[in-house]
Amino acid sequence: YGKNTIKFLRLHREGKKHFVKEVEVCAHLRLTSPQEYLEGNNSLVIPTDTIKNIVLVLAKKNGIPSLEEFAIDICNHFMTTFCQVAYVKTYIQEVPWQRLHEDGVPHIHSFICVPDGIRFCEAEQCRNGPLIVFAGIKDLKLMKTTQSGFEGFYKNEHTTLPERHDRILCGELFCKWSYGECKDFDFNCIWKKIRECILEAFAGPPDCGEYSPSYQKTVNSIQMLVLSRVPQVQVIEVVLNNTFYNVVDMKNLGLTNDKEVLVPVEAPYGSCACTLGRKMFFEA
């Protein structure tokens, strides 16, 4: 049991310059005894309102240097404070506020919410067990207007999809990775580096791009680049929910439409998912 959607803004001031971190926290506990379920005995139950207040107090006292460090703080607090807690799990996601810039100059106290992917993390721990931390990005919408195709796929009597060697590749990406054993990581730096890997693998070089033969290959390219450049990541999951676009037929309007006006196919939509990890992790 626990408390969901604990939403708050943490404002930090350094002189005239302000820093913001707006988050949504879910904190769940499992107790050493299920007596509250089986017997209606609430003597060990930590009220969910108390859980909410603890999260807010930790944010006030410790700040939020990174989502991962804040999640670790929450797990550590419940494990060290309450002997009846057998397991704690924390999920945190961040509202994507970015500092406003005017003529290239960063504003000291104004921000803009930019929907370019939502950062999140999870931390969980069993008593006498290791602390496990996951992190990720979701709702990241990506598109490239060429250098994508889909050919040579299996066909039978039910196949109506034509082969395409030049199409729009568009999708909403979810990516989640595991750090394995947590050490003194710079979580903010790692998250930014992984996001850069995602964008690079999706788009290719800025002057020419890179051809994608399928959504599946793009998913794998993202994972391979992250694992090759970020040694702290042990396992990475990527889900790409696809958005397809159809070219509008304008012949009846007396116009030739050379892939200049397209409409999105809202439903149904495709989805590709893969989990990839280092061999040593799976052997362990």
C-alpha atoms as a PDB file:
ATOM      1  CA  TYR A   1       0.000   0.000   0.000  1.00  0.00           C
ATOM      2  CA  GLY A   2       1.113   3.569  -0.286  1.00  0.00           C
ATOM      3  CA  LYS A   3       0.539   7.069  -1.542  1.00  0.00           C
ATOM      4  CA  ASN A   4       0.299   7.942  -5.242  1.00  0.00           C
ATOM      5  CA  THR A   5       0.626  11.238  -7.127  1.00  0.00           C
ATOM      6  CA  ILE A   6       2.360  13.288  -4.450  1.00  0.00           C
ATOM      7  CA  LYS A   7       2.876  16.402  -6.562  1.00  0.00           C
ATOM      8  CA  PHE A   8       4.961  19.370  -5.495  1.00  0.00           C
ATOM      9  CA  LEU A   9       7.404  22.024  -6.667  1.00  0.00           C
ATOM     10  CA  ARG A  10      10.784  22.332  -4.938  1.00  0.00           C
ATOM     11  CA  LEU A  11      12.173  25.854  -5.287  1.00  0.00           C
ATOM     12  CA  HIS A  12      15.858  26.438  -4.549  1.00  0.00           C
ATOM     13  CA  ARG A  13      17.364  29.919  -4.387  1.00  0.00           C
ATOM     14  CA  GLU A  14      20.979  30.908  -4.860  1.00  0.00           C
ATOM     15  CA  GLY A  15      20.917  34.666  -4.427  1.00  0.00           C
ATOM     16  CA  LYS A  16      18.768  36.122  -7.188  1.00  0.00           C
ATOM     17  CA  LYS A  17      18.968  32.950  -9.286  1.00  0.00           C
ATOM     18  CA  HIS A  18      16.222  30.385  -8.776  1.00  0.00           C
ATOM     19  CA  PHE A  19      16.128  26.655  -9.585  1.00  0.00           C
ATOM     20  CA  VAL A  20      12.954  24.562  -9.815  1.00  0.00           C
ATOM     21  CA  LYS A  21      12.192  20.869  -9.687  1.00  0.00           C
ATOM     22  CA  GLU A  22       8.533  19.843 -10.006  1.00  0.00           C
ATOM     23  CA  VAL A  23       7.888  16.144  -9.452  1.00  0.00           C
ATOM     24  CA  GLU A  24       5.235  13.509  -8.919  1.00  0.00           C
ATOM     25  CA  VAL A  25       6.098  10.812  -6.392  1.00  0.00           C
ATOM     26  CA  CYS A  26       4.518   7.411  -5.704  1.00  0.00           C
ATOM     27  CA  ALA A  27       5.749   5.624  -2.570  1.00  0.00           C
ATOM     28  CA  HIS A  28       4.641   2.073  -1.719  1.00  0.00           C
ATOM     29  CA  LEU A  29       5.437  -0.093   1.293  1.00  0.00           C
ATOM     30  CA  ARG A  30       5.099  -3.749   2.210  1.00  0.00           C
ATOM     31  CA  LEU A  31       5.100  -4.508   5.928  1.00  0.00           C
ATOM     32  CA  THR A  32       6.590  -7.491   7.760  1.00  0.00           C
ATOM     33  CA  SER A  33       3.111  -8.697   8.720  1.00  0.00           C
ATOM     34  CA  PRO A  34      -0.154  -8.677   6.720  1.00  0.00           C
ATOM     35  CA  GLN A  35      -2.216  -8.340   9.914  1.00  0.00           C
ATOM     36  CA  GLU A  36      -3.929  -5.177   8.680  1.00  0.00           C
ATOM     37  CA  TYR A  37      -5.323  -7.207   5.766  1.00  0.00           C
ATOM     38  CA  LEU A  38      -6.088 -10.452   7.601  1.00  0.00           C
ATOM     39  CA  GLU A  39      -7.107  -9.243  11.059  1.00  0.00           C
ATOM     40  CA  GLY A  40      -7.928  -5.567  10.654  1.00  0.00           C
ATOM     41  CA  ASN A  41      -5.084  -4.750  13.071  1.00  0.00           C
ATOM     42  CA  ASN A  42      -3.626  -1.382  12.059  1.00  0.00           C
ATOM     43  CA  SER A  43      -0.942  -1.142  14.757  1.00  0.00           C
ATOM     44  CA  LEU A  44       1.913  -1.430  12.226  1.00  0.00           C
ATOM     45  CA  VAL A  45       0.316   0.616   9.453  1.00  0.00           C
ATOM     46  CA  ILE A  46       2.028   3.888   8.542  1.00  0.00           C
ATOM     47  CA  PRO A  47      -0.815   6.119   7.279  1.00  0.00           C
ATOM     48  CA  THR A  48      -0.533   7.196   3.672  1.00  0.00           C
ATOM     49  CA  ASP A  49      -0.858  10.793   4.825  1.00  0.00           C
ATOM     50  CA  THR A  50       2.290  10.226   6.915  1.00  0.00           C
ATOM     51  CA  ILE A  51       4.029   8.797   3.835  1.00  0.00           C
ATOM     52  CA  LYS A  52       3.116  11.949   1.891  1.00  0.00           C
ATOM     53  CA  ASN A  53       4.416  14.215   4.656  1.00  0.00           C
ATOM     54  CA  ILE A  54       7.702  12.284   4.884  1.00  0.00           C
ATOM     55  CA  VAL A  55       8.270  12.775   1.146  1.00  0.00           C
ATOM     56  CA  LEU A  56       7.651  16.519   1.466  1.00  0.00           C
ATOM     57  CA  VAL A  57       9.913  16.835   4.524  1.00  0.00           C
ATOM     58  CA  LEU A  58      12.755  14.970   2.768  1.00  0.00           C
ATOM     59  CA  ALA A  59      12.406  17.319  -0.216  1.00  0.00           C
ATOM     60  CA  LYS A  60      12.596  20.306   2.130  1.00  0.00           C
ATOM     61  CA  LYS A  61      15.589  19.019   4.127  1.00  0.00           C
ATOM     62  CA  ASN A  62      17.686  17.351   1.405  1.00  0.00           C
ATOM     63  CA  GLY A  63      16.515  19.006  -1.794  1.00  0.00           C
ATOM     64  CA  ILE A  64      16.357  17.051  -5.065  1.00  0.00           C
ATOM     65  CA  PRO A  65      19.881  16.973  -6.538  1.00  0.00           C
ATOM     66  CA  SER A  66      18.621  14.261  -8.926  1.00  0.00           C
ATOM     67  CA  LEU A  67      15.488  12.135  -9.128  1.00  0.00           C
ATOM     68  CA  GLU A  68      17.535   9.036  -8.385  1.00  0.00           C
ATOM     69  CA  GLU A  69      19.166  10.492  -5.272  1.00  0.00           C
ATOM     70  CA  PHE A  70      15.784  11.652  -3.980  1.00  0.00           C
ATOM     71  CA  ALA A  71      14.285   8.187  -4.573  1.00  0.00           C
ATOM     72  CA  ILE A  72      17.226   6.652  -2.690  1.00  0.00           C
ATOM     73  CA  ASP A  73      16.650   9.113   0.184  1.00  0.00           C
ATOM     74  CA  ILE A  74      13.015   8.008   0.424  1.00  0.00           C
ATOM     75  CA  CYS A  75      13.902   4.295   0.417  1.00  0.00           C
ATOM     76  CA  ASN A  76      16.633   4.778   3.012  1.00  0.00           C
ATOM     77  CA  HIS A  77      14.355   6.782   5.288  1.00  0.00           C
ATOM     78  CA  PHE A  78      11.621   4.154   5.424  1.00  0.00           C
ATOM     79  CA  MET A  79      14.091   1.295   5.846  1.00  0.00           C
ATOM     80  CA  THR A  80      16.048   2.950   8.649  1.00  0.00           C
ATOM     81  CA  THR A  81      13.107   4.570  10.475  1.00  0.00           C
ATOM     82  CA  PHE A  82      10.433   1.859  10.503  1.00  0.00           C
ATOM     83  CA  CYS A  83      11.368  -1.690  11.552  1.00  0.00           C
ATOM     84  CA  GLN A  84       7.993  -2.980  10.305  1.00  0.00           C
ATOM     85  CA  VAL A  85       8.796  -2.044   6.676  1.00  0.00           C
ATOM     86  CA  ALA A  86       9.933  -5.097   4.670  1.00  0.00           C
ATOM     87  CA  TYR A  87       9.957  -3.496   1.214  1.00  0.00           C
ATOM     88  CA  VAL A  88       9.765   0.000  -0.220  1.00  0.00           C
ATOM     89  CA  LYS A  89       9.362   1.135  -3.809  1.00  0.00           C
ATOM     90  CA  THR A  90       9.473   4.710  -5.042  1.00  0.00           C
ATOM     91  CA  TYR A  91       8.556   6.075  -8.460  1.00  0.00           C
ATOM     92  CA  ILE A  92       9.319   9.695  -9.387  1.00  0.00           C
ATOM     93  CA  GLN A  93       8.703  11.613 -12.587  1.00  0.00           C
ATOM     94  CA  GLU A  94       9.624  15.196 -13.379  1.00  0.00           C
ATOM     95  CA  VAL A  95       7.747  18.023 -15.057  1.00  0.00           C
ATOM     96  CA  PRO A  96      10.041  19.199 -17.911  1.00  0.00           C
ATOM     97  CA  TRP A  97      10.695  22.794 -16.879  1.00  0.00           C
ATOM     98  CA  GLN A  98      13.605  24.481 -18.651  1.00  0.00           C
ATOM     99  CA  ARG A  99      15.123  27.864 -17.920  1.00  0.00           C
ATOM    100  CA  LEU A 100      13.998  30.621 -20.280  1.00  0.00           C
ATOM    101  CA  HIS A 101      16.641  32.285 -22.448  1.00  0.00           C
ATOM    102  CA  GLU A 102      16.286  35.734 -23.951  1.00  0.00           C
ATOM    103  CA  ASP A 103      18.756  36.563 -26.728  1.00  0.00           C
ATOM    104  CA  GLY A 104      20.908  33.712 -25.468  1.00  0.00           C
ATOM    105  CA  VAL A 105      20.937  34.991 -21.874  1.00  0.00           C
ATOM    106  CA  PRO A 106      19.519  32.633 -19.228  1.00  0.00           C
ATOM    107  CA  HIS A 107      16.757  34.181 -17.131  1.00  0.00           C
ATOM    108  CA  ILE A 108      17.339  34.135 -13.382  1.00  0.00           C
ATOM    109  CA  HIS A 109      13.807  33.103 -12.340  1.00  0.00           C
ATOM    110  CA  SER A 110      11.643  32.300 -15.386  1.00  0.00           C
ATOM    111  CA  PHE A 111      11.062  28.880 -16.930  1.00  0.00           C
ATOM    112  CA  ILE A 112       9.199  27.227 -19.803  1.00  0.00           C
ATOM    113  CA  CYS A 113       7.636  23.771 -19.825  1.00  0.00           C
ATOM    114  CA  VAL A 114       9.028  21.942 -22.854  1.00  0.00           C
ATOM    115  CA  PRO A 115       7.357  18.617 -23.774  1.00  0.00           C
ATOM    116  CA  ASP A 116      10.507  16.898 -25.032  1.00  0.00           C
ATOM    117  CA  GLY A 117      10.264  13.777 -22.908  1.00  0.00           C
ATOM    118  CA  ILE A 118       9.548  13.158 -19.242  1.00  0.00           C
ATOM    119  CA  ARG A 119      12.329  11.978 -16.947  1.00  0.00           C
ATOM    120  CA  PHE A 120      11.461   9.333 -14.363  1.00  0.00           C
ATOM    121  CA  CYS A 121      13.134   6.904 -11.989  1.00  0.00           C
ATOM    122  CA  GLU A 122      12.309   3.990  -9.690  1.00  0.00           C
ATOM    123  CA  ALA A 123      14.079   2.743  -6.583  1.00  0.00           C
ATOM    124  CA  GLU A 124      13.187  -0.359  -4.600  1.00  0.00           C
ATOM    125  CA  GLN A 125      14.673  -2.216  -1.685  1.00  0.00           C
ATOM    126  CA  CYS A 126      13.896  -5.256   0.422  1.00  0.00           C
ATOM    127  CA  ARG A 127      15.131  -5.385   4.006  1.00  0.00           C
ATOM    128  CA  ASN A 128      18.615  -6.934   4.030  1.00  0.00           C
ATOM    129  CA  GLY A 129      18.600  -6.733   0.220  1.00  0.00           C
ATOM    130  CA  PRO A 130      20.334  -4.483  -2.328  1.00  0.00           C
ATOM    131  CA  LEU A 131      18.980  -1.118  -3.359  1.00  0.00           C
ATOM    132  CA  ILE A 132      17.975  -1.278  -7.028  1.00  0.00           C
ATOM    133  CA  VAL A 133      17.626   1.874  -9.112  1.00  0.00           C
ATOM    134  CA  PHE A 134      16.013   2.285 -12.530  1.00  0.00           C
ATOM    135  CA  ALA A 135      15.759   5.453 -14.584  1.00  0.00           C
ATOM    136  CA  GLY A 136      14.245   6.433 -17.880  1.00  0.00           C
ATOM    137  CA  ILE A 137      12.496   8.794 -20.221  1.00  0.00           C
ATOM    138  CA  LYS A 138       8.960   8.541 -21.565  1.00  0.00           C
ATOM    139  CA  ASP A 139       6.605  10.428 -23.873  1.00  0.00           C
ATOM    140  CA  LEU A 140       9.538  11.421 -26.081  1.00  0.00           C
ATOM    141  CA  LYS A 141       8.089  12.111 -29.535  1.00  0.00           C
ATOM    142  CA  LEU A 142      10.527  11.721 -32.413  1.00  0.00           C
ATOM    143  CA  MET A 143      10.225  12.021 -36.190  1.00  0.00           C
ATOM    144  CA  LYS A 144      12.404  11.870 -39.269  1.00  0.00           C
ATOM    145  CA  THR A 145      10.891  12.558 -42.661  1.00  0.00           C
ATOM    146  CA  THR A 146      13.117  10.296 -44.759  1.00  0.00           C
ATOM    147  CA  GLN A 147      15.880   7.707 -44.452  1.00  0.00           C
ATOM    148  CA  SER A 148      13.363   5.103 -43.325  1.00  0.00           C
ATOM    149  CA  GLY A 149      11.702   2.196 -45.069  1.00  0.00           C
ATOM    150  CA  PHE A 150      10.148  -1.226 -44.602  1.00  0.00           C
ATOM    151  CA  GLU A 151      10.824  -3.881 -47.251  1.00  0.00           C
ATOM    152  CA  GLY A 152      11.321  -7.622 -47.605  1.00  0.00           C
ATOM    153  CA  PHE A 153       8.840  -8.560 -44.880  1.00  0.00           C
ATOM    154  CA  TYR A 154       6.880 -11.827 -44.738  1.00  0.00           C
ATOM    155  CA  LYS A 155       3.795 -11.868 -46.941  1.00  0.00           C
ATOM    156  CA  ASN A 156       0.774 -14.153 -47.270  1.00  0.00           C
ATOM    157  CA  GLU A 157      -2.848 -13.908 -48.443  1.00  0.00           C
ATOM    158  CA  HIS A 158      -3.661 -11.469 -45.621  1.00  0.00           C
ATOM    159  CA  THR A 159      -0.883  -8.997 -46.454  1.00  0.00           C
ATOM    160  CA  THR A 160      -2.019  -5.696 -47.940  1.00  0.00           C
ATOM    161  CA  LEU A 161       0.809  -3.441 -46.766  1.00  0.00           C
ATOM    162  CA  PRO A 162       2.974  -2.220 -49.664  1.00  0.00           C
ATOM    163  CA  GLU A 163       6.741  -2.138 -49.370  1.00  0.00           C
ATOM    164  CA  ARG A 164       8.241   1.298 -48.838  1.00  0.00           C
ATOM    165  CA  HIS A 165      11.817   2.433 -49.246  1.00  0.00           C
ATOM    166  CA  ASP A 166      11.167   6.052 -48.261  1.00  0.00           C
ATOM    167  CA  ARG A 167       8.714   6.881 -45.505  1.00  0.00           C
ATOM    168  CA  ILE A 168       8.269   9.024 -42.398  1.00  0.00           C
ATOM    169  CA  LEU A 169       9.458   7.342 -39.226  1.00  0.00           C
ATOM    170  CA  CYS A 170       7.597   8.732 -36.234  1.00  0.00           C
ATOM    171  CA  GLY A 171       6.918   7.406 -32.789  1.00  0.00           C
ATOM    172  CA  GLU A 172       6.580   7.993 -29.074  1.00  0.00           C
ATOM    173  CA  LEU A 173       9.476   6.471 -27.176  1.00  0.00           C
ATOM    174  CA  PHE A 174       9.647   4.901 -23.722  1.00  0.00           C
ATOM    175  CA  CYS A 175      13.086   3.967 -22.406  1.00  0.00           C
ATOM    176  CA  LYS A 176      13.956   2.460 -19.020  1.00  0.00           C
ATOM    177  CA  TRP A 177      17.328   1.215 -17.811  1.00  0.00           C
ATOM    178  CA  SER A 178      18.818  -0.453 -14.765  1.00  0.00           C
ATOM    179  CA  TYR A 179      22.024   0.599 -13.040  1.00  0.00           C
ATOM    180  CA  GLY A 180      22.580  -2.730 -11.311  1.00  0.00           C
ATOM    181  CA  GLU A 181      24.536  -2.125  -8.109  1.00  0.00           C
ATOM    182  CA  CYS A 182      24.304   1.586  -7.333  1.00  0.00           C
ATOM    183  CA  LYS A 183      27.463   3.480  -6.589  1.00  0.00           C
ATOM    184  CA  ASP A 184      28.324   7.154  -6.385  1.00  0.00           C
ATOM    185  CA  PHE A 185      26.974   7.939  -9.853  1.00  0.00           C
ATOM    186  CA  ASP A 186      26.352  11.363 -11.352  1.00  0.00           C
ATOM    187  CA  PHE A 187      22.770  10.484 -12.262  1.00  0.00           C
ATOM    188  CA  ASN A 188      22.038  13.812 -13.957  1.00  0.00           C
ATOM    189  CA  CYS A 189      25.064  13.488 -16.237  1.00  0.00           C
ATOM    190  CA  ILE A 190      24.261   9.856 -17.104  1.00  0.00           C
ATOM    191  CA  TRP A 191      20.623  10.672 -17.913  1.00  0.00           C
ATOM    192  CA  LYS A 192      21.637  13.495 -20.266  1.00  0.00           C
ATOM    193  CA  LYS A 193      24.203  11.258 -21.972  1.00  0.00           C
ATOM    194  CA  ILE A 194      21.634   8.494 -22.540  1.00  0.00           C
ATOM    195  CA  ARG A 195      19.145  10.997 -23.955  1.00  0.00           C
ATOM    196  CA  GLU A 196      21.827  12.206 -26.367  1.00  0.00           C
ATOM    197  CA  CYS A 197      22.478   8.584 -27.417  1.00  0.00           C
ATOM    198  CA  ILE A 198      18.767   8.061 -28.084  1.00  0.00           C
ATOM    199  CA  LEU A 199      18.562  11.124 -30.318  1.00  0.00           C
ATOM    200  CA  GLU A 200      21.788  10.295 -32.146  1.00  0.00           C
ATOM    201  CA  ALA A 201      20.830   6.677 -32.829  1.00  0.00           C
ATOM    202  CA  PHE A 202      17.360   7.677 -34.003  1.00  0.00           C
ATOM    203  CA  ALA A 203      18.413  10.487 -36.319  1.00  0.00           C
ATOM    204  CA  GLY A 204      21.920   9.601 -37.514  1.00  0.00           C
ATOM    205  CA  PRO A 205      24.497  12.231 -38.584  1.00  0.00           C
ATOM    206  CA  PRO A 206      22.969  15.721 -38.879  1.00  0.00           C
ATOM    207  CA  ASP A 207      24.084  16.273 -42.485  1.00  0.00           C
ATOM    208  CA  CYS A 208      22.759  13.037 -43.972  1.00  0.00           C
ATOM    209  CA  GLY A 209      20.948  10.929 -41.367  1.00  0.00           C
ATOM    210  CA  GLU A 210      21.083   7.134 -41.266  1.00  0.00           C
ATOM    211  CA  TYR A 211      18.757   4.684 -43.002  1.00  0.00           C
ATOM    212  CA  SER A 212      16.399   2.678 -40.809  1.00  0.00           C
ATOM    213  CA  PRO A 213      15.070  -0.549 -42.376  1.00  0.00           C
ATOM    214  CA  SER A 214      12.492  -0.983 -39.575  1.00  0.00           C
ATOM    215  CA  TYR A 215      11.290   0.356 -36.257  1.00  0.00           C
ATOM    216  CA  GLN A 216      12.808  -2.764 -34.683  1.00  0.00           C
ATOM    217  CA  LYS A 217      16.283  -1.944 -36.022  1.00  0.00           C
ATOM    218  CA  THR A 218      15.974   1.613 -34.726  1.00  0.00           C
ATOM    219  CA  VAL A 219      15.092   0.299 -31.256  1.00  0.00           C
ATOM    220  CA  ASN A 220      18.135  -1.990 -31.293  1.00  0.00           C
ATOM    221  CA  SER A 221      20.432   0.784 -32.544  1.00  0.00           C
ATOM    222  CA  ILE A 222      19.389   2.955 -29.604  1.00  0.00           C
ATOM    223  CA  GLN A 223      20.086   0.175 -27.112  1.00  0.00           C
ATOM    224  CA  MET A 224      23.447  -0.771 -28.594  1.00  0.00           C
ATOM    225  CA  LEU A 225      24.672   2.834 -28.610  1.00  0.00           C
ATOM    226  CA  VAL A 226      23.659   3.355 -24.974  1.00  0.00           C
ATOM    227  CA  LEU A 227      25.333   0.125 -23.821  1.00  0.00           C
ATOM    228  CA  SER A 228      28.510   0.965 -25.738  1.00  0.00           C
ATOM    229  CA  ARG A 229      28.839   4.468 -24.290  1.00  0.00           C
ATOM    230  CA  VAL A 230      27.360   4.231 -20.801  1.00  0.00           C
ATOM    231  CA  PRO A 231      29.027   1.459 -18.774  1.00  0.00           C
ATOM    232  CA  GLN A 232      26.823   2.104 -15.729  1.00  0.00           C
ATOM    233  CA  VAL A 233      23.756   0.765 -17.594  1.00  0.00           C
ATOM    234  CA  GLN A 234      23.243  -2.984 -17.237  1.00  0.00           C
ATOM    235  CA  VAL A 235      19.859  -3.544 -18.895  1.00  0.00           C
ATOM    236  CA  ILE A 236      17.876  -1.226 -21.159  1.00  0.00           C
ATOM    237  CA  GLU A 237      14.263  -1.526 -22.290  1.00  0.00           C
ATOM    238  CA  VAL A 238      12.962   0.495 -25.242  1.00  0.00           C
ATOM    239  CA  VAL A 239       9.368   0.683 -26.467  1.00  0.00           C
ATOM    240  CA  LEU A 240       8.563   2.645 -29.627  1.00  0.00           C
ATOM    241  CA  ASN A 241       4.865   3.243 -30.289  1.00  0.00           C
ATOM    242  CA  ASN A 242       4.591   4.049 -33.967  1.00  0.00           C
ATOM    243  CA  THR A 243       2.656   6.798 -35.706  1.00  0.00           C
ATOM    244  CA  PHE A 244       2.019   6.221 -39.406  1.00  0.00           C
ATOM    245  CA  TYR A 245       1.244   8.921 -41.983  1.00  0.00           C
ATOM    246  CA  ASN A 246      -0.682   8.452 -45.237  1.00  0.00           C
ATOM    247  CA  VAL A 247      -0.227  10.719 -48.243  1.00  0.00           C
ATOM    248  CA  VAL A 248      -3.431  12.601 -49.105  1.00  0.00           C
ATOM    249  CA  ASP A 249      -4.727  11.815 -52.603  1.00  0.00           C
ATOM    250  CA  MET A 250      -5.305  15.213 -54.268  1.00  0.00           C
ATOM    251  CA  LYS A 251      -5.952  14.060 -57.817  1.00  0.00           C
ATOM    252  CA  ASN A 252      -9.623  15.051 -57.587  1.00  0.00           C
ATOM    253  CA  LEU A 253      -8.452  18.510 -56.572  1.00  0.00           C
ATOM    254  CA  GLY A 254      -6.239  18.774 -59.664  1.00  0.00           C
ATOM    255  CA  LEU A 255      -3.033  18.618 -57.620  1.00  0.00           C
ATOM    256  CA  THR A 256      -0.055  16.307 -57.424  1.00  0.00           C
ATOM    257  CA  ASN A 257       0.859  15.586 -53.816  1.00  0.00           C
ATOM    258  CA  ASP A 258       4.479  14.455 -53.673  1.00  0.00           C
ATOM    259  CA  LYS A 259       4.452  13.489 -49.951  1.00  0.00           C
ATOM    260  CA  GLU A 260       3.901  17.128 -49.005  1.00  0.00           C
ATOM    261  CA  VAL A 261       0.549  16.772 -47.234  1.00  0.00           C
ATOM    262  CA  LEU A 262       0.025  13.718 -45.050  1.00  0.00           C
ATOM    263  CA  VAL A 263      -2.456  12.710 -42.362  1.00  0.00           C
ATOM    264  CA  PRO A 264      -1.643  10.633 -39.278  1.00  0.00           C
ATOM    265  CA  VAL A 265      -3.237   7.222 -38.791  1.00  0.00           C
ATOM    266  CA  GLU A 266      -4.591   7.557 -35.259  1.00  0.00           C
ATOM    267  CA  ALA A 267      -5.521   3.910 -34.669  1.00  0.00           C
ATOM    268  CA  PRO A 268      -4.612   1.146 -34.703  1.00  0.00           C
ATOM    269  CA  TYR A 269      -0.921   1.882 -34.278  1.00  0.00           C
ATOM    270  CA  GLY A 270       2.128  -0.351 -34.168  1.00  0.00           C
ATOM    271  CA  SER A 271       4.502  -0.892 -31.295  1.00  0.00           C
ATOM    272  CA  CYS A 272       8.018  -2.335 -31.076  1.00  0.00           C
ATOM    273  CA  ALA A 273       9.653  -3.329 -27.791  1.00  0.00           C
ATOM    274  CA  CYS A 274      12.932  -4.934 -26.796  1.00  0.00           C
ATOM    275  CA  THR A 275      14.939  -5.461 -23.611  1.00  0.00           C
ATOM    276  CA  LEU A 276      18.693  -5.762 -24.022  1.00  0.00           C
ATOM    277  CA  GLY A 277      21.368  -6.292 -21.394  1.00  0.00           C
ATOM    278  CA  ARG A 278      24.978  -7.151 -20.862  1.00  0.00           C
ATOM    279  CA  LYS A 279      25.756 -10.878 -20.950  1.00  0.00           C
ATOM    280  CA  MET A 280      27.377 -10.811 -17.515  1.00  0.00           C
ATOM    281  CA  PHE A 281      24.179  -9.366 -16.011  1.00  0.00           C
ATOM    282  CA  PHE A 282      21.951 -12.133 -17.353  1.00  0.00           C
ATOM    283  CA  GLU A 283      24.442 -14.842 -16.366  1.00  0.00           C
ATOM    284  CA  ALA A 284      24.419 -13.505 -12.825  1.00  0.00           C
END
